[in-house]
């Protein structure tokens, strides 16, 4: 068994996965109900690992969302993965000879549900030919009632998993929240995974979901959870972490299971543990741990520096002589985050406190209003998506009116990187320009 199979962040389930009563049991209970399920929390906090533990992705329907995804895209993918043939393509023959003709968009809004096959002749190419009998049904892809009806006609009872729900624009999330109410009544089951911190997100968009959605927050990770992960990995690799090493890994993870897993993995690698040991090995070299921290700091710093630069650029406001100077609020938000550091940002910062601090240094402090900052804060997730920042680093919680960190590696970066050097790398949008 290799180190990557036991510790670290991976697309596959690592062997040190531990069940947590306040999370796993809650998810199991949710599956026993007929409610829609929402799994939420910061990135790399175990959302996908939790769902994969109890739902087979290969046997159900997985839809990975992006900032460009529309509701039509979602419903079209669901129908196709449910075996519904849309009027965009048709297939001739079976066996070695298959022709597929497709068009770019649905025409006539016709769905074809396979009723059966009638075996026909064999052509000269040796391909068994069948006449497939379809029931043609008119439908509206924008109506959840029609989508649900087609899924039932196709005989599907699969769970639909929506990953990266946070990438959808807020207005699209709001619209889906109303559709989800309809899907609930029509017995179509969704499991939704998203990067956000606040509870009742979908219920905020549609109050009727309040008792129809089962929410599972994957945070917090407790110290006991981290120790259980380490202990399980120790048994699998035939190693033992020194108490000081383990305590440092827990402290420097800042509540992130992803960071903790990576620190354990890299500490092992720096201690020359790459696979299960023949003889029990005691890992107590503090220098190995320090090298692991340095390695992860360099890795996270490069990524987060690029992320912060991209956020600070905003949407590329242009300075024009005949127009007032743009506010460049994204730049000021980034600089203030770096000035606050880990201790100032931990737990979030209120919009009011952020506005007060920015006004102290803003080039248009007399004109700046709270509504302008709110608009920018609400657009941060979409901005990061457009800039290719995945997962998002920061997000605005409209419920608590706070700016929060939603990438769990960002705290590690704030604590271990030289933030003054990072600030020097962020270019002021007015630097070098004649005004």
Protein backbone atom coordinates (compact mmCIF):
# COMPACT_ATOMS: atom_id res chain seq x y z
CA UNK A 1 0.00 0.00 0.00
CA UNK A 2 1.46 3.35 -1.11
CA UNK A 3 1.39 6.61 0.84
CA UNK A 4 -0.96 8.19 -1.75
CA UNK A 5 -3.50 5.43 -1.07
CA UNK A 6 -3.60 6.32 2.62
CA UNK A 7 -3.00 10.08 3.05
CA UNK A 8 -3.49 13.17 0.91
CA UNK A 9 -6.14 14.77 -1.30
CA UNK A 10 -7.08 12.57 -4.22
CA UNK A 11 -9.85 12.01 -6.72
CA UNK A 12 -10.29 8.55 -5.25
CA UNK A 13 -11.21 7.66 -1.69
CA UNK A 14 -8.15 7.51 0.57
CA UNK A 15 -7.95 4.60 2.99
CA UNK A 16 -7.70 6.87 6.04
CA UNK A 17 -11.30 8.06 5.58
CA UNK A 18 -13.06 8.08 8.93
CA UNK A 19 -16.75 8.17 9.63
CA UNK A 20 -17.98 11.02 11.80
CA UNK A 21 -21.19 10.51 13.73
CA UNK A 22 -22.37 14.10 13.30
CA UNK A 23 -21.82 13.95 9.52
CA UNK A 24 -21.92 10.36 8.19
CA UNK A 25 -24.86 9.31 10.35
CA UNK A 26 -26.72 12.42 9.31
CA UNK A 27 -26.12 11.65 5.63
CA UNK A 28 -27.28 8.05 6.09
CA UNK A 29 -30.42 9.34 7.83
CA UNK A 30 -30.99 11.75 4.93
CA UNK A 31 -30.83 8.91 2.41
CA UNK A 32 -33.59 7.12 4.31
CA UNK A 33 -35.93 10.08 3.78
CA UNK A 34 -37.45 11.31 0.53
CA UNK A 35 -35.99 14.79 0.98
CA UNK A 36 -33.54 16.53 -1.32
CA UNK A 37 -30.01 16.50 0.11
CA UNK A 38 -27.58 19.43 0.23
CA UNK A 39 -23.96 18.84 1.27
CA UNK A 40 -22.03 22.06 1.83
CA UNK A 41 -18.84 23.50 3.31
CA UNK A 42 -15.48 24.92 2.31
CA UNK A 43 -13.44 23.27 -0.43
CA UNK A 44 -11.38 20.17 0.39
CA UNK A 45 -13.47 19.45 3.46
CA UNK A 46 -14.73 16.05 2.34
CA UNK A 47 -18.03 16.74 0.55
CA UNK A 48 -17.36 14.48 -2.43
CA UNK A 49 -15.71 11.83 -0.25
CA UNK A 50 -18.81 11.73 1.95
CA UNK A 51 -21.24 11.35 -0.95
CA UNK A 52 -19.07 8.77 -2.75
CA UNK A 53 -18.90 6.72 0.42
CA UNK A 54 -22.64 6.04 0.34
CA UNK A 55 -23.72 6.65 -3.28
CA UNK A 56 -22.19 4.82 -6.23
CA UNK A 57 -21.44 7.50 -8.81
CA UNK A 58 -21.29 4.96 -11.65
CA UNK A 59 -24.80 3.71 -10.93
CA UNK A 60 -26.39 7.13 -10.61
CA UNK A 61 -26.38 10.41 -12.55
CA UNK A 62 -23.52 12.86 -12.01
CA UNK A 63 -23.72 16.39 -13.42
CA UNK A 64 -20.65 18.61 -12.92
CA UNK A 65 -21.67 22.25 -13.16
CA UNK A 66 -19.69 25.20 -14.46
CA UNK A 67 -20.26 28.98 -14.63
CA UNK A 68 -21.59 28.53 -18.19
CA UNK A 69 -24.11 25.83 -17.27
CA UNK A 70 -27.78 26.72 -17.79
CA UNK A 71 -30.84 24.97 -16.41
CA UNK A 72 -31.52 23.64 -19.90
CA UNK A 73 -28.02 22.16 -19.95
CA UNK A 74 -28.67 20.45 -16.61
CA UNK A 75 -32.04 19.01 -17.60
CA UNK A 76 -30.79 17.96 -21.02
CA UNK A 77 -27.89 16.06 -19.43
CA UNK A 78 -30.19 14.43 -16.88
CA UNK A 79 -32.55 13.22 -19.59
CA UNK A 80 -29.79 11.84 -21.77
CA UNK A 81 -28.20 10.02 -18.83
CA UNK A 82 -31.65 8.65 -17.99
CA UNK A 83 -31.87 7.04 -21.42
CA UNK A 84 -34.23 9.58 -22.96
CA UNK A 85 -33.40 10.21 -26.62
CA UNK A 86 -33.85 13.86 -27.49
CA UNK A 87 -34.61 15.07 -31.01
CA UNK A 88 -30.98 16.01 -31.54
CA UNK A 89 -29.72 12.63 -32.77
CA UNK A 90 -30.69 9.23 -34.05
CA UNK A 91 -28.83 5.96 -34.45
CA UNK A 92 -29.05 3.45 -37.27
CA UNK A 93 -28.21 -0.21 -36.78
CA UNK A 94 -26.35 -2.05 -34.05
CA UNK A 95 -23.14 -4.02 -33.86
CA UNK A 96 -20.15 -2.84 -35.89
CA UNK A 97 -22.08 -0.34 -37.93
CA UNK A 98 -23.44 2.67 -36.09
CA UNK A 99 -24.27 6.03 -37.55
CA UNK A 100 -25.01 9.01 -35.39
CA UNK A 101 -26.31 12.23 -36.81
CA UNK A 102 -26.62 15.18 -34.46
CA UNK A 103 -27.65 18.80 -34.50
CA UNK A 104 -26.51 21.50 -32.12
CA UNK A 105 -29.83 22.21 -30.43
CA UNK A 106 -33.07 20.47 -29.63
CA UNK A 107 -35.58 20.86 -32.46
CA UNK A 108 -39.28 20.54 -32.00
CA UNK A 109 -38.87 19.73 -28.29
CA UNK A 110 -39.51 16.05 -28.90
CA UNK A 111 -38.29 13.27 -26.63
CA UNK A 112 -38.26 9.65 -27.72
CA UNK A 113 -38.77 6.93 -25.13
CA UNK A 114 -37.65 3.49 -26.28
CA UNK A 115 -40.59 1.07 -26.27
CA UNK A 116 -38.77 -1.99 -27.66
CA UNK A 117 -36.79 -3.52 -30.51
CA UNK A 118 -37.92 -5.68 -33.41
CA UNK A 119 -35.15 -7.82 -34.91
CA UNK A 120 -34.80 -7.42 -38.66
CA UNK A 121 -32.43 -8.58 -41.37
CA UNK A 122 -28.63 -8.83 -41.38
CA UNK A 123 -26.89 -6.48 -43.78
CA UNK A 124 -23.86 -7.42 -45.88
CA UNK A 125 -21.49 -5.92 -43.36
CA UNK A 126 -22.64 -8.43 -40.77
CA UNK A 127 -24.42 -5.91 -38.60
CA UNK A 128 -27.58 -7.00 -36.84
CA UNK A 129 -30.28 -4.55 -37.77
CA UNK A 130 -33.11 -3.73 -35.43
CA UNK A 131 -36.08 -1.50 -35.81
CA UNK A 132 -36.33 0.47 -32.60
CA UNK A 133 -39.79 1.56 -31.59
CA UNK A 134 -39.97 4.90 -29.82
CA UNK A 135 -42.80 6.78 -28.24
CA UNK A 136 -42.47 10.42 -29.27
CA UNK A 137 -43.45 12.91 -26.59
CA UNK A 138 -43.62 16.66 -26.84
CA UNK A 139 -42.11 18.42 -23.85
CA UNK A 140 -40.79 21.72 -22.59
CA UNK A 141 -37.23 21.52 -21.30
CA UNK A 142 -37.84 24.51 -19.04
CA UNK A 143 -40.65 22.82 -17.11
CA UNK A 144 -39.54 20.51 -14.27
CA UNK A 145 -42.91 18.71 -14.52
CA UNK A 146 -42.10 17.65 -18.08
CA UNK A 147 -38.53 16.67 -17.22
CA UNK A 148 -39.70 14.57 -14.28
CA UNK A 149 -42.38 12.90 -16.41
CA UNK A 150 -39.79 11.84 -19.00
CA UNK A 151 -37.48 10.46 -16.33
CA UNK A 152 -40.31 8.34 -14.92
CA UNK A 153 -41.36 7.17 -18.40
CA UNK A 154 -37.77 6.04 -18.98
CA UNK A 155 -38.07 3.94 -15.82
CA UNK A 156 -35.19 5.61 -14.00
CA UNK A 157 -34.95 5.77 -10.23
CA UNK A 158 -31.40 7.09 -10.04
CA UNK A 159 -30.13 9.77 -7.70
CA UNK A 160 -29.06 12.93 -9.53
CA UNK A 161 -25.82 14.38 -8.12
CA UNK A 162 -25.11 18.05 -8.86
CA UNK A 163 -21.47 18.92 -8.13
CA UNK A 164 -20.11 22.48 -7.95
CA UNK A 165 -23.56 24.01 -7.50
CA UNK A 166 -21.86 27.20 -6.27
CA UNK A 167 -20.66 27.89 -9.82
CA UNK A 168 -24.18 28.69 -10.97
CA UNK A 169 -25.03 32.41 -10.91
CA UNK A 170 -27.19 33.33 -7.94
CA UNK A 171 -30.23 34.01 -10.12
CA UNK A 172 -29.94 30.52 -11.64
CA UNK A 173 -29.63 28.99 -8.17
CA UNK A 174 -32.78 30.85 -7.19
CA UNK A 175 -34.69 29.54 -10.22
CA UNK A 176 -33.53 25.99 -9.55
CA UNK A 177 -34.68 26.27 -5.93
CA UNK A 178 -38.25 26.68 -7.23
CA UNK A 179 -37.81 23.78 -9.68
CA UNK A 180 -36.45 21.64 -6.84
CA UNK A 181 -39.74 22.06 -5.00
CA UNK A 182 -41.52 20.57 -8.01
CA UNK A 183 -39.01 17.73 -8.36
CA UNK A 184 -39.55 16.94 -4.68
CA UNK A 185 -43.30 16.48 -5.23
CA UNK A 186 -42.63 14.33 -8.31
CA UNK A 187 -40.19 12.00 -6.50
CA UNK A 188 -37.01 13.00 -8.35
CA UNK A 189 -34.08 12.84 -5.91
CA UNK A 190 -31.17 15.30 -5.99
CA UNK A 191 -27.95 15.44 -3.99
CA UNK A 192 -26.41 18.90 -4.30
CA UNK A 193 -22.79 19.69 -3.40
CA UNK A 194 -21.65 23.29 -3.00
CA UNK A 195 -18.89 25.45 -1.61
CA UNK A 196 -20.50 27.87 0.83
CA UNK A 197 -20.69 28.33 4.59
CA UNK A 198 -24.22 29.44 5.40
CA UNK A 199 -27.09 27.10 6.25
CA UNK A 200 -30.45 27.09 4.43
CA UNK A 201 -29.03 28.55 1.24
CA UNK A 202 -31.71 27.12 -1.06
CA UNK A 203 -34.45 27.82 1.48
CA UNK A 204 -33.41 31.48 1.36
CA UNK A 205 -34.30 31.44 -2.33
CA UNK A 206 -37.52 29.47 -1.85
CA UNK A 207 -39.03 29.28 1.62
CA UNK A 208 -41.14 26.25 0.65
CA UNK A 209 -37.97 24.13 0.70
CA UNK A 210 -37.53 24.66 4.43
CA UNK A 211 -38.82 21.20 5.44
CA UNK A 212 -38.13 19.49 2.13
CA UNK A 213 -34.32 19.70 2.11
CA UNK A 214 -31.94 17.75 4.35
CA UNK A 215 -28.74 19.74 4.85
CA UNK A 216 -25.42 18.20 5.83
CA UNK A 217 -22.57 20.61 6.66
CA UNK A 218 -19.23 18.78 6.46
CA UNK A 219 -17.64 21.18 8.93
CA UNK A 220 -16.32 21.42 11.55
CA UNK A 221 -13.57 18.83 11.75
CA UNK A 222 -12.74 18.16 15.37
CA UNK A 223 -9.33 17.38 16.85
CA UNK A 224 -10.61 13.87 17.63
CA UNK A 225 -11.47 13.41 13.94
CA UNK A 226 -7.94 14.35 12.89
CA UNK A 227 -6.43 11.97 15.44
CA UNK A 228 -8.68 9.17 14.16
CA UNK A 229 -7.45 9.78 10.60
CA UNK A 230 -3.82 9.67 11.71
CA UNK A 231 -4.37 6.52 13.75
CA UNK A 232 -6.06 4.71 10.88
CA UNK A 233 -3.22 5.68 8.54
CA UNK A 234 -0.62 4.60 11.08
CA UNK A 235 -2.10 1.11 11.20
CA UNK A 236 -2.23 0.84 7.41
CA UNK A 237 1.37 2.02 6.91
CA UNK A 238 2.85 0.43 10.05
CA UNK A 239 4.11 3.78 11.35
CA UNK A 240 3.65 5.97 14.42
CA UNK A 241 3.64 9.78 14.52
CA UNK A 242 5.29 11.47 17.48
CA UNK A 243 2.83 13.40 19.62
CA UNK A 244 4.53 16.72 18.77
CA UNK A 245 4.44 16.01 15.02
CA UNK A 246 0.75 15.14 15.11
CA UNK A 247 -0.10 18.18 17.25
CA UNK A 248 1.71 20.48 14.80
CA UNK A 249 -0.12 18.98 11.83
CA UNK A 250 -3.47 19.50 13.55
CA UNK A 251 -2.66 23.07 14.58
CA UNK A 252 -1.40 24.07 11.13
CA UNK A 253 -4.37 22.51 9.32
CA UNK A 254 -6.67 25.27 10.65
CA UNK A 255 -9.63 22.91 10.66
CA UNK A 256 -9.09 21.75 7.07
CA UNK A 257 -9.05 17.99 6.57
CA UNK A 258 -7.50 18.50 3.11
CA UNK A 259 -4.56 20.44 4.54
CA UNK A 260 -4.20 17.93 7.37
CA UNK A 261 -4.12 15.01 4.95
CA UNK A 262 -1.49 16.73 2.82
CA UNK A 263 0.69 17.54 5.83
CA UNK A 264 0.58 13.92 6.97
CA UNK A 265 1.42 12.68 3.49
CA UNK A 266 4.31 15.09 2.97
CA UNK A 267 5.70 14.51 6.48
CA UNK A 268 5.79 10.79 5.67
CA UNK A 269 7.49 11.41 2.33
CA UNK A 270 10.06 13.69 3.97
CA UNK A 271 10.64 10.88 6.49
CA UNK A 272 11.25 8.45 3.59
CA UNK A 273 7.96 6.64 4.09
CA UNK A 274 6.48 5.96 0.66
CA UNK A 275 4.63 2.73 1.35
CA UNK A 276 3.75 0.33 4.15
CA UNK A 277 6.80 -0.34 6.33
CA UNK A 278 8.02 -3.85 7.05
CA UNK A 279 9.00 -2.81 10.58
CA UNK A 280 7.11 -0.24 12.59
CA UNK A 281 8.64 3.21 12.01
CA UNK A 282 8.46 6.06 14.52
CA UNK A 283 8.20 9.49 12.83
CA UNK A 284 9.60 12.06 15.21
CA UNK A 285 11.94 14.25 13.12
CA UNK A 286 10.55 17.78 13.44
CA UNK A 287 12.65 18.85 10.46
CA UNK A 288 10.68 16.47 8.24
CA UNK A 289 7.50 18.19 9.35
CA UNK A 290 9.02 21.65 8.72
CA UNK A 291 10.04 20.61 5.20
CA UNK A 292 6.47 19.39 4.61
CA UNK A 293 5.10 22.78 5.72
CA UNK A 294 7.55 24.60 3.46
CA UNK A 295 6.57 22.41 0.53
CA UNK A 296 2.85 23.06 0.99
CA UNK A 297 3.43 26.78 1.62
CA UNK A 298 5.24 27.11 -1.71
CA UNK A 299 2.54 25.14 -3.49
CA UNK A 300 -0.36 27.08 -1.99
CA UNK A 301 1.42 30.44 -2.25
CA UNK A 302 1.90 30.18 -5.99
CA UNK A 303 -1.74 29.31 -6.57
CA UNK A 304 -3.19 31.85 -4.16
CA UNK A 305 -0.96 34.65 -5.42
CA UNK A 306 -2.32 34.06 -8.91
CA UNK A 307 -5.85 33.88 -7.51
CA UNK A 308 -5.52 37.14 -5.58
CA UNK A 309 -4.02 38.91 -8.59
CA UNK A 310 -6.95 37.73 -10.72
CA UNK A 311 -9.53 38.85 -8.13
CA UNK A 312 -7.82 42.23 -7.70
CA UNK A 313 -8.08 42.85 -11.46
CA UNK A 314 -11.85 42.59 -11.20
CA UNK A 315 -13.66 42.74 -14.51
CA UNK A 316 -11.00 44.91 -16.12
CA UNK A 317 -12.44 48.39 -15.56
CA UNK A 318 -11.05 50.93 -18.02
CA UNK A 319 -9.92 54.41 -17.01
CA UNK A 320 -11.44 57.06 -19.26
CA UNK A 321 -10.76 60.82 -19.21
CA UNK A 322 -14.43 61.69 -19.67
CA UNK A 323 -15.70 59.39 -16.92
CA UNK A 324 -15.19 59.22 -13.13
CA UNK A 325 -12.38 56.99 -11.92
CA UNK A 326 -13.63 53.40 -11.38
CA UNK A 327 -13.86 52.20 -7.78
CA UNK A 328 -11.61 49.12 -8.24
CA UNK A 329 -13.21 47.61 -5.13
CA UNK A 330 -11.91 44.10 -5.82
CA UNK A 331 -8.36 45.43 -5.47
CA UNK A 332 -9.11 47.08 -2.13
CA UNK A 333 -10.82 43.92 -0.84
CA UNK A 334 -7.76 41.81 -1.67
CA UNK A 335 -5.34 44.26 -0.05
CA UNK A 336 -7.45 44.46 3.10
CA UNK A 337 -7.55 40.66 3.36
CA UNK A 338 -3.75 40.57 3.21
CA UNK A 339 -3.52 43.31 5.84
CA UNK A 340 -5.87 41.40 8.16
CA UNK A 341 -4.00 38.11 7.80
CA UNK A 342 -5.17 34.85 9.33
CA UNK A 343 -6.18 36.17 12.76
CA UNK A 344 -8.12 39.12 11.34
CA UNK A 345 -9.99 37.12 8.71
CA UNK A 346 -10.64 33.91 10.64
CA UNK A 347 -14.39 33.53 11.02
CA UNK A 348 -15.18 36.16 8.39
CA UNK A 349 -15.38 39.95 8.20
CA UNK A 350 -18.62 41.92 8.16
CA UNK A 351 -19.55 44.11 5.22
CA UNK A 352 -19.74 47.13 7.53
CA UNK A 353 -16.23 46.58 8.91
CA UNK A 354 -14.89 46.04 5.39
CA UNK A 355 -16.56 49.22 4.11
CA UNK A 356 -15.18 51.26 7.03
CA UNK A 357 -11.62 50.02 6.45
CA UNK A 358 -11.70 50.52 2.68
CA UNK A 359 -13.03 54.07 3.07
CA UNK A 360 -9.93 55.00 5.08
CA UNK A 361 -7.69 54.47 2.03
CA UNK A 362 -9.99 54.59 -1.00
CA UNK A 363 -9.29 57.10 -3.77
CA UNK A 364 -13.03 57.98 -3.93
CA UNK A 365 -13.90 57.60 -0.26
CA UNK A 366 -16.47 60.41 -0.34
CA UNK A 367 -18.47 58.74 -3.13
CA UNK A 368 -18.22 55.14 -1.95
CA UNK A 369 -21.48 53.66 -0.66
CA UNK A 370 -22.37 50.37 0.98
CA UNK A 371 -24.61 49.33 -1.92
CA UNK A 372 -21.66 49.49 -4.31
CA UNK A 373 -19.59 47.24 -2.05
CA UNK A 374 -22.50 44.81 -1.64
CA UNK A 375 -22.81 44.45 -5.41
CA UNK A 376 -19.11 43.64 -5.73
CA UNK A 377 -19.19 41.20 -2.81
CA UNK A 378 -22.15 39.32 -4.26
CA UNK A 379 -20.35 39.05 -7.58
CA UNK A 380 -17.14 37.58 -6.16
CA UNK A 381 -18.05 33.95 -6.79
CA UNK A 382 -18.99 34.61 -10.41
CA UNK A 383 -15.85 36.72 -10.89
CA UNK A 384 -13.63 33.92 -9.60
CA UNK A 385 -15.36 31.45 -11.89
CA UNK A 386 -14.75 33.67 -14.92
CA UNK A 387 -11.12 34.08 -13.89
CA UNK A 388 -10.67 30.31 -13.75
CA UNK A 389 -10.28 30.20 -9.96
CA UNK A 390 -11.42 26.76 -8.89
CA UNK A 391 -12.40 26.29 -6.14
CA UNK A 392 -13.34 29.86 -5.18
CA UNK A 393 -11.24 31.38 -2.41
CA UNK A 394 -13.65 33.85 -0.82
CA UNK A 395 -17.41 34.30 -0.94
CA UNK A 396 -20.00 36.66 0.48
CA UNK A 397 -22.60 35.22 2.83
CA UNK A 398 -25.73 37.30 2.22
CA UNK A 399 -27.39 35.79 5.27
CA UNK A 400 -24.77 36.92 7.81
CA UNK A 401 -23.52 39.80 5.60
CA UNK A 402 -19.95 38.57 5.98
CA UNK A 403 -17.07 37.92 3.61
CA UNK A 404 -15.78 34.42 4.34
CA UNK A 405 -12.99 32.11 3.26
CA UNK A 406 -14.35 29.08 1.38
CA UNK A 407 -11.05 27.54 0.26
CA UNK A 408 -9.72 25.72 3.31
CA UNK A 409 -6.11 25.97 2.06
CA UNK A 410 -6.28 29.77 2.14
CA UNK A 411 -5.93 29.94 5.92
CA UNK A 412 -2.75 27.87 5.70
CA UNK A 413 -1.48 30.32 3.09
CA UNK A 414 -2.35 33.37 5.22
CA UNK A 415 -0.60 31.91 8.24
CA UNK A 416 2.60 30.69 6.57
CA UNK A 417 3.25 32.96 3.59
CA UNK A 418 5.00 36.36 3.74
CA UNK A 419 1.94 38.53 3.19
CA UNK A 420 3.94 41.75 2.80
CA UNK A 421 5.72 40.20 -0.17
CA UNK A 422 2.38 39.08 -1.55
CA UNK A 423 0.98 42.62 -1.23
CA UNK A 424 3.93 43.95 -3.20
CA UNK A 425 3.02 41.57 -6.02
CA UNK A 426 -0.56 42.90 -6.30
CA UNK A 427 -0.46 45.76 -8.79
CA UNK A 428 -2.61 48.80 -8.02
CA UNK A 429 -4.98 49.29 -10.99
CA UNK A 430 -4.03 52.98 -11.26
CA UNK A 431 -0.28 52.40 -11.03
CA UNK A 432 1.63 53.88 -13.93
CA UNK A 433 -1.44 55.45 -15.52
CA UNK A 434 -1.99 59.13 -16.18
CA UNK A 435 -5.22 60.31 -14.63
